[in-house]
Amino acid sequence: MAHTDDGHAHSHSHAHSHSAFDNDKDALAAIEEHHTHMLHRVTALSDALIAAVAGGDGGTAYDEHANLVAWCEDELIPHAVAEEGPLYGPARETPEGRLLVEGMLLDHRTIIGLVEELRPAEGARAAALGLVITRAFALHLRKENELLFPYIARNPDLSLAKAVAGLEEVVGQ
């Protein structure tokens, strides 16, 4: 976890370099764009690992595994951790949002656990875990984009724009 904390602290130092969003619509668009970019990247990394393993190229498989693990440690886990406080916290305090946020946090713990399993994995197991991480992340993003973020945006007591202000890990800016 020290690596995660270092990555998070590093990203936080850049967080003050961009301005807050004017409204929830702009914030949601930025989050969704960043999520799309992240999903494309993890899919490409996972596909490259699967292809290397399927092709029997041990050296390339080793490199692609290292690339996927590094991306998960540098991008995916810090993104998840950054969401948990300012983005999930206020929604978790509402009766309607509590169970949804609990489910989102369970997704985070599951994905982080899969990354822990991926680190020492080799061959077909590593390729399978890469695919599982990709699919779990895709499902998690759908829940955020289609359930949680619209809930936050339509709740007058919550602000998506305020929640993501300064969170480079969440909006990718």
N, C-alpha and C. Protein backbone atom coordinates (compact mmCIF):
# COMPACT_ATOMS: atom_id res chain seq x y z
N MET A 1 0.79 -1.20 0.00
CA MET A 1 0.00 0.00 0.00
C MET A 1 0.84 1.27 0.00
N ALA A 2 2.11 1.15 0.39
CA ALA A 2 2.96 2.34 0.39
C ALA A 2 3.05 2.95 -1.00
N HIS A 3 3.08 2.07 -2.02
CA HIS A 3 3.14 2.58 -3.39
C HIS A 3 1.89 3.38 -3.72
N THR A 4 0.75 2.87 -3.28
CA THR A 4 -0.51 3.58 -3.52
C THR A 4 -0.49 4.94 -2.86
N ASP A 5 -0.03 4.97 -1.61
CA ASP A 5 0.02 6.24 -0.90
C ASP A 5 0.96 7.22 -1.60
N ASP A 6 2.11 6.71 -2.07
CA ASP A 6 3.04 7.58 -2.79
C ASP A 6 2.40 8.12 -4.06
N GLY A 7 1.74 7.26 -4.82
CA GLY A 7 1.09 7.68 -6.05
C GLY A 7 0.00 8.70 -5.78
N HIS A 8 -0.75 8.47 -4.73
CA HIS A 8 -1.84 9.37 -4.38
C HIS A 8 -1.27 10.73 -3.96
N ALA A 9 -0.23 10.71 -3.13
CA ALA A 9 0.35 11.95 -2.66
C ALA A 9 0.95 12.73 -3.84
N HIS A 10 1.59 12.01 -4.76
CA HIS A 10 2.19 12.66 -5.93
C HIS A 10 1.11 13.33 -6.77
N SER A 11 0.03 12.62 -7.04
CA SER A 11 -1.04 13.19 -7.85
C SER A 11 -1.68 14.37 -7.15
N HIS A 12 -1.80 14.29 -5.82
CA HIS A 12 -2.43 15.35 -5.07
C HIS A 12 -1.64 16.66 -5.21
N SER A 13 -0.33 16.55 -5.36
CA SER A 13 0.47 17.76 -5.49
C SER A 13 0.11 18.54 -6.76
N HIS A 14 -0.44 17.86 -7.76
CA HIS A 14 -0.84 18.52 -8.99
C HIS A 14 -2.31 18.94 -8.97
N ALA A 15 -3.02 18.56 -7.92
CA ALA A 15 -4.46 18.76 -7.89
C ALA A 15 -4.86 20.23 -7.90
N HIS A 16 -3.99 21.10 -7.41
CA HIS A 16 -4.36 22.51 -7.34
C HIS A 16 -4.09 23.25 -8.65
N SER A 17 -3.62 22.53 -9.66
CA SER A 17 -3.26 23.19 -10.91
C SER A 17 -4.44 23.39 -11.86
N HIS A 18 -5.61 22.84 -11.53
CA HIS A 18 -6.76 23.06 -12.40
C HIS A 18 -7.93 23.56 -11.59
N SER A 19 -8.86 24.20 -12.26
CA SER A 19 -9.96 24.83 -11.56
C SER A 19 -11.11 23.85 -11.35
N ALA A 20 -11.99 24.24 -10.47
CA ALA A 20 -13.17 23.44 -10.19
C ALA A 20 -14.15 23.55 -11.36
N PHE A 21 -15.08 22.62 -11.42
CA PHE A 21 -16.10 22.65 -12.46
C PHE A 21 -17.20 23.61 -12.07
N ASP A 22 -17.81 24.23 -13.08
CA ASP A 22 -18.88 25.18 -12.84
C ASP A 22 -20.19 24.50 -12.46
N ASN A 23 -20.38 23.27 -12.95
CA ASN A 23 -21.64 22.59 -12.67
C ASN A 23 -21.45 21.07 -12.71
N ASP A 24 -22.48 20.37 -12.25
CA ASP A 24 -22.41 18.91 -12.19
C ASP A 24 -22.34 18.28 -13.58
N LYS A 25 -22.98 18.91 -14.56
CA LYS A 25 -22.95 18.36 -15.93
C LYS A 25 -21.53 18.32 -16.47
N ASP A 26 -20.77 19.40 -16.28
CA ASP A 26 -19.38 19.44 -16.74
C ASP A 26 -18.52 18.44 -15.98
N ALA A 27 -18.75 18.35 -14.67
CA ALA A 27 -18.00 17.40 -13.85
C ALA A 27 -18.28 15.97 -14.30
N LEU A 28 -19.56 15.66 -14.54
CA LEU A 28 -19.93 14.31 -14.98
C LEU A 28 -19.31 13.99 -16.33
N ALA A 29 -19.31 14.95 -17.24
CA ALA A 29 -18.70 14.72 -18.56
C ALA A 29 -17.21 14.43 -18.43
N ALA A 30 -16.52 15.17 -17.56
CA ALA A 30 -15.08 14.95 -17.37
C ALA A 30 -14.81 13.58 -16.74
N ILE A 31 -15.62 13.20 -15.76
CA ILE A 31 -15.45 11.90 -15.12
C ILE A 31 -15.69 10.79 -16.13
N GLU A 32 -16.76 10.89 -16.89
CA GLU A 32 -17.08 9.84 -17.87
C GLU A 32 -15.99 9.74 -18.94
N GLU A 33 -15.45 10.87 -19.37
CA GLU A 33 -14.37 10.85 -20.36
C GLU A 33 -13.13 10.16 -19.77
N HIS A 34 -12.81 10.49 -18.53
CA HIS A 34 -11.66 9.86 -17.87
C HIS A 34 -11.90 8.36 -17.69
N HIS A 35 -13.11 7.99 -17.30
CA HIS A 35 -13.44 6.57 -17.15
C HIS A 35 -13.29 5.83 -18.48
N THR A 36 -13.74 6.43 -19.56
CA THR A 36 -13.62 5.81 -20.89
C THR A 36 -12.15 5.59 -21.24
N HIS A 37 -11.33 6.60 -20.98
CA HIS A 37 -9.89 6.48 -21.25
C HIS A 37 -9.28 5.36 -20.40
N MET A 38 -9.63 5.32 -19.13
CA MET A 38 -9.09 4.28 -18.24
C MET A 38 -9.52 2.89 -18.70
N LEU A 39 -10.78 2.74 -19.09
CA LEU A 39 -11.27 1.43 -19.53
C LEU A 39 -10.57 0.99 -20.81
N HIS A 40 -10.38 1.91 -21.74
CA HIS A 40 -9.65 1.57 -22.98
C HIS A 40 -8.22 1.13 -22.65
N ARG A 41 -7.59 1.83 -21.72
CA ARG A 41 -6.20 1.51 -21.38
C ARG A 41 -6.09 0.14 -20.72
N VAL A 42 -6.93 -0.14 -19.71
CA VAL A 42 -6.84 -1.44 -19.04
C VAL A 42 -7.20 -2.57 -19.99
N THR A 43 -8.13 -2.32 -20.90
CA THR A 43 -8.49 -3.33 -21.90
C THR A 43 -7.30 -3.62 -22.81
N ALA A 44 -6.63 -2.58 -23.28
CA ALA A 44 -5.47 -2.76 -24.15
C ALA A 44 -4.35 -3.51 -23.43
N LEU A 45 -4.11 -3.16 -22.18
CA LEU A 45 -3.06 -3.83 -21.41
C LEU A 45 -3.39 -5.30 -21.17
N SER A 46 -4.64 -5.56 -20.82
CA SER A 46 -5.08 -6.94 -20.59
C SER A 46 -5.03 -7.74 -21.88
N ASP A 47 -5.49 -7.16 -22.98
CA ASP A 47 -5.46 -7.85 -24.27
C ASP A 47 -4.02 -8.18 -24.69
N ALA A 48 -3.10 -7.26 -24.42
CA ALA A 48 -1.69 -7.50 -24.77
C ALA A 48 -1.13 -8.66 -23.95
N LEU A 49 -1.50 -8.74 -22.68
CA LEU A 49 -1.05 -9.85 -21.84
C LEU A 49 -1.64 -11.17 -22.32
N ILE A 50 -2.93 -11.16 -22.62
CA ILE A 50 -3.59 -12.38 -23.13
C ILE A 50 -2.92 -12.85 -24.42
N ALA A 51 -2.65 -11.93 -25.34
CA ALA A 51 -2.03 -12.29 -26.62
C ALA A 51 -0.63 -12.87 -26.42
N ALA A 52 0.13 -12.28 -25.51
CA ALA A 52 1.49 -12.78 -25.26
C ALA A 52 1.46 -14.17 -24.65
N VAL A 53 0.55 -14.39 -23.70
CA VAL A 53 0.43 -15.71 -23.08
C VAL A 53 -0.05 -16.72 -24.11
N ALA A 54 -1.07 -16.36 -24.89
CA ALA A 54 -1.61 -17.27 -25.90
C ALA A 54 -0.56 -17.61 -26.96
N GLY A 55 0.31 -16.66 -27.26
CA GLY A 55 1.34 -16.87 -28.26
C GLY A 55 2.57 -17.61 -27.73
N GLY A 56 2.57 -17.89 -26.43
CA GLY A 56 3.68 -18.62 -25.84
C GLY A 56 4.97 -17.81 -25.72
N ASP A 57 4.86 -16.50 -25.77
CA ASP A 57 6.03 -15.62 -25.67
C ASP A 57 6.24 -15.20 -24.22
N GLY A 58 7.04 -15.98 -23.50
CA GLY A 58 7.25 -15.74 -22.07
C GLY A 58 7.84 -14.39 -21.75
N GLY A 59 8.79 -13.93 -22.54
CA GLY A 59 9.40 -12.63 -22.28
C GLY A 59 8.42 -11.49 -22.45
N THR A 60 7.66 -11.54 -23.53
CA THR A 60 6.65 -10.50 -23.76
C THR A 60 5.55 -10.59 -22.70
N ALA A 61 5.15 -11.80 -22.34
CA ALA A 61 4.13 -11.98 -21.30
C ALA A 61 4.60 -11.37 -19.98
N TYR A 62 5.86 -11.58 -19.65
CA TYR A 62 6.44 -11.01 -18.43
C TYR A 62 6.35 -9.48 -18.48
N ASP A 63 6.73 -8.90 -19.61
CA ASP A 63 6.69 -7.44 -19.77
C ASP A 63 5.27 -6.91 -19.72
N GLU A 64 4.34 -7.58 -20.40
CA GLU A 64 2.95 -7.12 -20.43
C GLU A 64 2.31 -7.24 -19.05
N HIS A 65 2.66 -8.29 -18.32
CA HIS A 65 2.18 -8.45 -16.94
C HIS A 65 2.68 -7.27 -16.09
N ALA A 66 3.96 -6.95 -16.23
CA ALA A 66 4.53 -5.83 -15.47
C ALA A 66 3.85 -4.51 -15.84
N ASN A 67 3.54 -4.32 -17.13
CA ASN A 67 2.84 -3.11 -17.57
C ASN A 67 1.46 -3.00 -16.94
N LEU A 68 0.73 -4.12 -16.92
CA LEU A 68 -0.62 -4.11 -16.36
C LEU A 68 -0.58 -3.87 -14.85
N VAL A 69 0.32 -4.53 -14.15
CA VAL A 69 0.44 -4.32 -12.70
C VAL A 69 0.80 -2.87 -12.42
N ALA A 70 1.75 -2.32 -13.15
CA ALA A 70 2.16 -0.93 -12.94
C ALA A 70 0.99 0.03 -13.17
N TRP A 71 0.21 -0.20 -14.23
CA TRP A 71 -0.94 0.67 -14.49
C TRP A 71 -1.96 0.57 -13.36
N CYS A 72 -2.21 -0.63 -12.90
CA CYS A 72 -3.16 -0.81 -11.79
C CYS A 72 -2.68 -0.07 -10.55
N GLU A 73 -1.38 -0.17 -10.25
CA GLU A 73 -0.83 0.50 -9.07
C GLU A 73 -0.76 2.01 -9.22
N ASP A 74 -0.45 2.48 -10.42
CA ASP A 74 -0.25 3.92 -10.64
C ASP A 74 -1.52 4.67 -11.00
N GLU A 75 -2.50 3.99 -11.60
CA GLU A 75 -3.71 4.65 -12.08
C GLU A 75 -4.99 4.13 -11.42
N LEU A 76 -5.20 2.84 -11.50
CA LEU A 76 -6.48 2.27 -11.06
C LEU A 76 -6.69 2.39 -9.56
N ILE A 77 -5.74 1.93 -8.77
CA ILE A 77 -5.91 1.97 -7.32
C ILE A 77 -5.96 3.41 -6.79
N PRO A 78 -5.06 4.31 -7.21
CA PRO A 78 -5.19 5.70 -6.75
C PRO A 78 -6.53 6.33 -7.14
N HIS A 79 -7.05 5.99 -8.32
CA HIS A 79 -8.36 6.49 -8.76
C HIS A 79 -9.44 6.03 -7.78
N ALA A 80 -9.43 4.75 -7.45
CA ALA A 80 -10.43 4.20 -6.54
C ALA A 80 -10.33 4.85 -5.17
N VAL A 81 -9.13 4.96 -4.64
CA VAL A 81 -8.92 5.55 -3.32
C VAL A 81 -9.37 7.01 -3.31
N ALA A 82 -9.07 7.75 -4.37
CA ALA A 82 -9.45 9.16 -4.45
C ALA A 82 -10.96 9.34 -4.44
N GLU A 83 -11.69 8.41 -5.03
CA GLU A 83 -13.16 8.52 -5.08
C GLU A 83 -13.81 8.34 -3.72
N GLU A 84 -13.19 7.54 -2.87
CA GLU A 84 -13.86 7.08 -1.67
C GLU A 84 -14.21 8.18 -0.68
N GLY A 85 -13.38 9.18 -0.52
CA GLY A 85 -13.66 10.21 0.46
C GLY A 85 -14.62 11.27 -0.03
N PRO A 86 -14.12 12.24 -0.79
CA PRO A 86 -14.96 13.37 -1.19
C PRO A 86 -16.09 13.03 -2.14
N LEU A 87 -15.93 12.03 -2.97
CA LEU A 87 -16.97 11.69 -3.95
C LEU A 87 -18.03 10.77 -3.35
N TYR A 88 -17.59 9.72 -2.68
CA TYR A 88 -18.54 8.75 -2.13
C TYR A 88 -19.10 9.19 -0.77
N GLY A 89 -18.28 9.89 0.01
CA GLY A 89 -18.66 10.24 1.38
C GLY A 89 -20.01 10.93 1.53
N PRO A 90 -20.23 12.05 0.83
CA PRO A 90 -21.51 12.74 0.99
C PRO A 90 -22.71 11.89 0.57
N ALA A 91 -22.59 11.13 -0.50
CA ALA A 91 -23.71 10.27 -0.93
C ALA A 91 -23.96 9.15 0.08
N ARG A 92 -22.90 8.68 0.71
CA ARG A 92 -23.02 7.61 1.72
C ARG A 92 -23.81 8.08 2.93
N GLU A 93 -23.80 9.38 3.18
CA GLU A 93 -24.51 9.94 4.34
C GLU A 93 -26.01 10.09 4.09
N THR A 94 -26.46 9.86 2.88
CA THR A 94 -27.90 9.96 2.59
C THR A 94 -28.52 8.57 2.69
N PRO A 95 -29.77 8.49 3.16
CA PRO A 95 -30.41 7.18 3.28
C PRO A 95 -30.50 6.45 1.93
N GLU A 96 -30.79 7.19 0.86
CA GLU A 96 -30.95 6.57 -0.45
C GLU A 96 -29.62 6.14 -1.05
N GLY A 97 -28.55 6.81 -0.71
CA GLY A 97 -27.25 6.54 -1.31
C GLY A 97 -26.38 5.57 -0.53
N ARG A 98 -26.70 5.32 0.73
CA ARG A 98 -25.82 4.53 1.59
C ARG A 98 -25.52 3.15 1.03
N LEU A 99 -26.54 2.39 0.68
CA LEU A 99 -26.31 1.03 0.19
C LEU A 99 -25.61 1.02 -1.17
N LEU A 100 -25.92 1.97 -2.01
CA LEU A 100 -25.25 2.07 -3.30
C LEU A 100 -23.75 2.31 -3.10
N VAL A 101 -23.42 3.24 -2.22
CA VAL A 101 -22.01 3.53 -1.96
C VAL A 101 -21.32 2.33 -1.32
N GLU A 102 -22.00 1.64 -0.41
CA GLU A 102 -21.42 0.43 0.19
C GLU A 102 -21.08 -0.58 -0.91
N GLY A 103 -21.95 -0.72 -1.89
CA GLY A 103 -21.69 -1.61 -3.01
C GLY A 103 -20.49 -1.16 -3.83
N MET A 104 -20.37 0.14 -4.04
CA MET A 104 -19.24 0.68 -4.79
C MET A 104 -17.92 0.43 -4.05
N LEU A 105 -17.96 0.59 -2.73
CA LEU A 105 -16.76 0.34 -1.92
C LEU A 105 -16.38 -1.14 -1.95
N LEU A 106 -17.38 -2.00 -1.97
CA LEU A 106 -17.12 -3.44 -2.10
C LEU A 106 -16.45 -3.73 -3.44
N ASP A 107 -16.90 -3.06 -4.50
CA ASP A 107 -16.25 -3.19 -5.81
C ASP A 107 -14.77 -2.82 -5.70
N HIS A 108 -14.49 -1.69 -5.04
CA HIS A 108 -13.10 -1.25 -4.90
C HIS A 108 -12.26 -2.30 -4.19
N ARG A 109 -12.77 -2.82 -3.08
CA ARG A 109 -12.01 -3.84 -2.33
C ARG A 109 -11.79 -5.08 -3.19
N THR A 110 -12.80 -5.45 -3.97
CA THR A 110 -12.68 -6.63 -4.84
C THR A 110 -11.63 -6.40 -5.92
N ILE A 111 -11.67 -5.26 -6.58
CA ILE A 111 -10.71 -4.96 -7.65
C ILE A 111 -9.30 -4.87 -7.08
N ILE A 112 -9.13 -4.22 -5.94
CA ILE A 112 -7.81 -4.14 -5.32
C ILE A 112 -7.31 -5.54 -4.95
N GLY A 113 -8.20 -6.40 -4.46
CA GLY A 113 -7.84 -7.79 -4.17
C GLY A 113 -7.40 -8.54 -5.42
N LEU A 114 -8.07 -8.29 -6.53
CA LEU A 114 -7.68 -8.92 -7.80
C LEU A 114 -6.29 -8.44 -8.25
N VAL A 115 -6.00 -7.17 -8.03
CA VAL A 115 -4.66 -6.66 -8.36
C VAL A 115 -3.61 -7.33 -7.48
N GLU A 116 -3.94 -7.53 -6.21
CA GLU A 116 -3.01 -8.25 -5.31
C GLU A 116 -2.75 -9.65 -5.83
N GLU A 117 -3.79 -10.32 -6.33
CA GLU A 117 -3.62 -11.66 -6.91
C GLU A 117 -2.81 -11.62 -8.20
N LEU A 118 -2.98 -10.55 -8.97
CA LEU A 118 -2.28 -10.42 -10.25
C LEU A 118 -0.77 -10.28 -10.07
N ARG A 119 -0.35 -9.57 -9.04
CA ARG A 119 1.09 -9.29 -8.87
C ARG A 119 1.97 -10.53 -9.03
N PRO A 120 1.72 -11.61 -8.27
CA PRO A 120 2.61 -12.78 -8.39
C PRO A 120 2.20 -13.77 -9.49
N ALA A 121 1.06 -13.54 -10.12
CA ALA A 121 0.53 -14.51 -11.09
C ALA A 121 1.38 -14.55 -12.35
N GLU A 122 1.36 -15.71 -12.99
CA GLU A 122 2.09 -15.90 -14.25
C GLU A 122 1.21 -16.62 -15.25
N GLY A 123 1.58 -16.52 -16.51
CA GLY A 123 0.94 -17.31 -17.56
C GLY A 123 -0.56 -17.11 -17.67
N ALA A 124 -1.26 -18.23 -17.85
CA ALA A 124 -2.71 -18.19 -18.07
C ALA A 124 -3.43 -17.56 -16.88
N ARG A 125 -2.94 -17.81 -15.66
CA ARG A 125 -3.59 -17.21 -14.49
C ARG A 125 -3.48 -15.68 -14.54
N ALA A 126 -2.33 -15.16 -14.90
CA ALA A 126 -2.16 -13.71 -15.01
C ALA A 126 -3.08 -13.15 -16.09
N ALA A 127 -3.15 -13.82 -17.23
CA ALA A 127 -4.02 -13.37 -18.32
C ALA A 127 -5.47 -13.37 -17.88
N ALA A 128 -5.88 -14.43 -17.18
CA ALA A 128 -7.26 -14.51 -16.70
C ALA A 128 -7.56 -13.41 -15.70
N LEU A 129 -6.64 -13.16 -14.78
CA LEU A 129 -6.85 -12.10 -13.80
C LEU A 129 -6.91 -10.73 -14.47
N GLY A 130 -6.09 -10.51 -15.50
CA GLY A 130 -6.16 -9.25 -16.24
C GLY A 130 -7.52 -9.04 -16.85
N LEU A 131 -8.08 -10.10 -17.43
CA LEU A 131 -9.41 -10.01 -18.01
C LEU A 131 -10.47 -9.77 -16.94
N VAL A 132 -10.35 -10.45 -15.81
CA VAL A 132 -11.32 -10.27 -14.72
C VAL A 132 -11.26 -8.85 -14.18
N ILE A 133 -10.06 -8.30 -14.01
CA ILE A 133 -9.92 -6.92 -13.54
C ILE A 133 -10.59 -5.97 -14.53
N THR A 134 -10.37 -6.19 -15.81
CA THR A 134 -10.98 -5.35 -16.84
C THR A 134 -12.50 -5.41 -16.77
N ARG A 135 -13.04 -6.60 -16.68
CA ARG A 135 -14.50 -6.75 -16.65
C ARG A 135 -15.09 -6.19 -15.36
N ALA A 136 -14.43 -6.43 -14.22
CA ALA A 136 -14.92 -5.90 -12.94
C ALA A 136 -14.89 -4.37 -12.96
N PHE A 137 -13.84 -3.80 -13.52
CA PHE A 137 -13.73 -2.35 -13.62
C PHE A 137 -14.82 -1.79 -14.54
N ALA A 138 -15.07 -2.46 -15.65
CA ALA A 138 -16.12 -2.01 -16.58
C ALA A 138 -17.49 -2.01 -15.89
N LEU A 139 -17.79 -3.05 -15.14
CA LEU A 139 -19.06 -3.10 -14.42
C LEU A 139 -19.14 -2.00 -13.37
N HIS A 140 -18.05 -1.79 -12.66
CA HIS A 140 -18.01 -0.74 -11.64
C HIS A 140 -18.25 0.64 -12.27
N LEU A 141 -17.63 0.90 -13.41
CA LEU A 141 -17.83 2.18 -14.08
C LEU A 141 -19.27 2.37 -14.51
N ARG A 142 -19.89 1.30 -14.99
CA ARG A 142 -21.31 1.40 -15.37
C ARG A 142 -22.15 1.78 -14.16
N LYS A 143 -21.89 1.18 -13.02
CA LYS A 143 -22.65 1.50 -11.81
C LYS A 143 -22.43 2.95 -11.40
N GLU A 144 -21.18 3.42 -11.49
CA GLU A 144 -20.92 4.82 -11.16
C GLU A 144 -21.62 5.75 -12.14
N ASN A 145 -21.40 5.52 -13.43
CA ASN A 145 -21.92 6.43 -14.46
C ASN A 145 -23.43 6.39 -14.58
N GLU A 146 -24.04 5.23 -14.35
CA GLU A 146 -25.49 5.09 -14.57
C GLU A 146 -26.32 5.17 -13.29
N LEU A 147 -25.69 4.95 -12.13
CA LEU A 147 -26.45 4.95 -10.88
C LEU A 147 -25.97 6.02 -9.90
N LEU A 148 -24.71 5.93 -9.48
CA LEU A 148 -24.23 6.82 -8.42
C LEU A 148 -24.14 8.28 -8.86
N PHE A 149 -23.47 8.54 -9.97
CA PHE A 149 -23.28 9.94 -10.37
C PHE A 149 -24.59 10.64 -10.73
N PRO A 150 -25.50 9.99 -11.44
CA PRO A 150 -26.80 10.64 -11.66
C PRO A 150 -27.54 10.90 -10.34
N TYR A 151 -27.42 9.99 -9.37
CA TYR A 151 -28.05 10.21 -8.06
C TYR A 151 -27.47 11.46 -7.41
N ILE A 152 -26.14 11.57 -7.41
CA ILE A 152 -25.49 12.74 -6.81
C ILE A 152 -25.91 14.00 -7.55
N ALA A 153 -25.93 13.96 -8.87
CA ALA A 153 -26.24 15.14 -9.68
C ALA A 153 -27.68 15.63 -9.46
N ARG A 154 -28.62 14.71 -9.22
CA ARG A 154 -30.00 15.15 -9.07
C ARG A 154 -30.39 15.42 -7.61
N ASN A 155 -29.51 15.12 -6.66
CA ASN A 155 -29.80 15.38 -5.26
C ASN A 155 -29.40 16.81 -4.93
N PRO A 156 -30.35 17.65 -4.50
CA PRO A 156 -30.03 19.06 -4.26
C PRO A 156 -29.04 19.28 -3.11
N ASP A 157 -28.89 18.29 -2.24
CA ASP A 157 -27.96 18.43 -1.11
C ASP A 157 -26.54 17.97 -1.45
N LEU A 158 -26.34 17.44 -2.65
CA LEU A 158 -25.04 16.93 -3.05
C LEU A 158 -24.56 17.67 -4.29
N SER A 159 -23.25 17.73 -4.47
CA SER A 159 -22.69 18.39 -5.65
C SER A 159 -21.55 17.56 -6.21
N LEU A 160 -21.73 17.05 -7.40
CA LEU A 160 -20.69 16.30 -8.08
C LEU A 160 -19.50 17.22 -8.38
N ALA A 161 -19.78 18.44 -8.83
CA ALA A 161 -18.72 19.40 -9.16
C ALA A 161 -17.87 19.70 -7.94
N LYS A 162 -18.50 19.91 -6.80
CA LYS A 162 -17.77 20.20 -5.57
C LYS A 162 -16.98 18.98 -5.11
N ALA A 163 -17.58 17.81 -5.24
CA ALA A 163 -16.95 16.57 -4.77
C ALA A 163 -15.66 16.25 -5.52
N VAL A 164 -15.60 16.56 -6.80
CA VAL A 164 -14.42 16.21 -7.59
C VAL A 164 -13.44 17.36 -7.77
N ALA A 165 -13.75 18.52 -7.21
CA ALA A 165 -12.84 19.67 -7.34
C ALA A 165 -11.46 19.30 -6.80
N GLY A 166 -10.46 19.42 -7.64
CA GLY A 166 -9.09 19.14 -7.23
C GLY A 166 -8.70 17.69 -7.25
N LEU A 167 -9.57 16.82 -7.72
CA LEU A 167 -9.26 15.38 -7.74
C LEU A 167 -8.80 14.95 -9.13
N GLU A 168 -7.54 15.15 -9.41
CA GLU A 168 -6.96 14.78 -10.70
C GLU A 168 -7.15 13.29 -10.98
N GLU A 169 -7.07 12.46 -9.92
CA GLU A 169 -7.19 11.02 -10.09
C GLU A 169 -8.57 10.62 -10.60
N VAL A 170 -9.58 11.42 -10.31
CA VAL A 170 -10.96 11.08 -10.67
C VAL A 170 -11.35 11.65 -12.03
N VAL A 171 -10.90 12.87 -12.32
CA VAL A 171 -11.32 13.52 -13.56
C VAL A 171 -10.25 13.53 -14.64
N GLY A 172 -9.05 13.13 -14.29
CA GLY A 172 -7.99 13.01 -15.29
C GLY A 172 -7.47 14.31 -15.83
N GLN A 173 -7.61 15.38 -15.09
CA GLN A 173 -7.12 16.68 -15.57
C GLN A 173 -5.96 17.17 -14.73
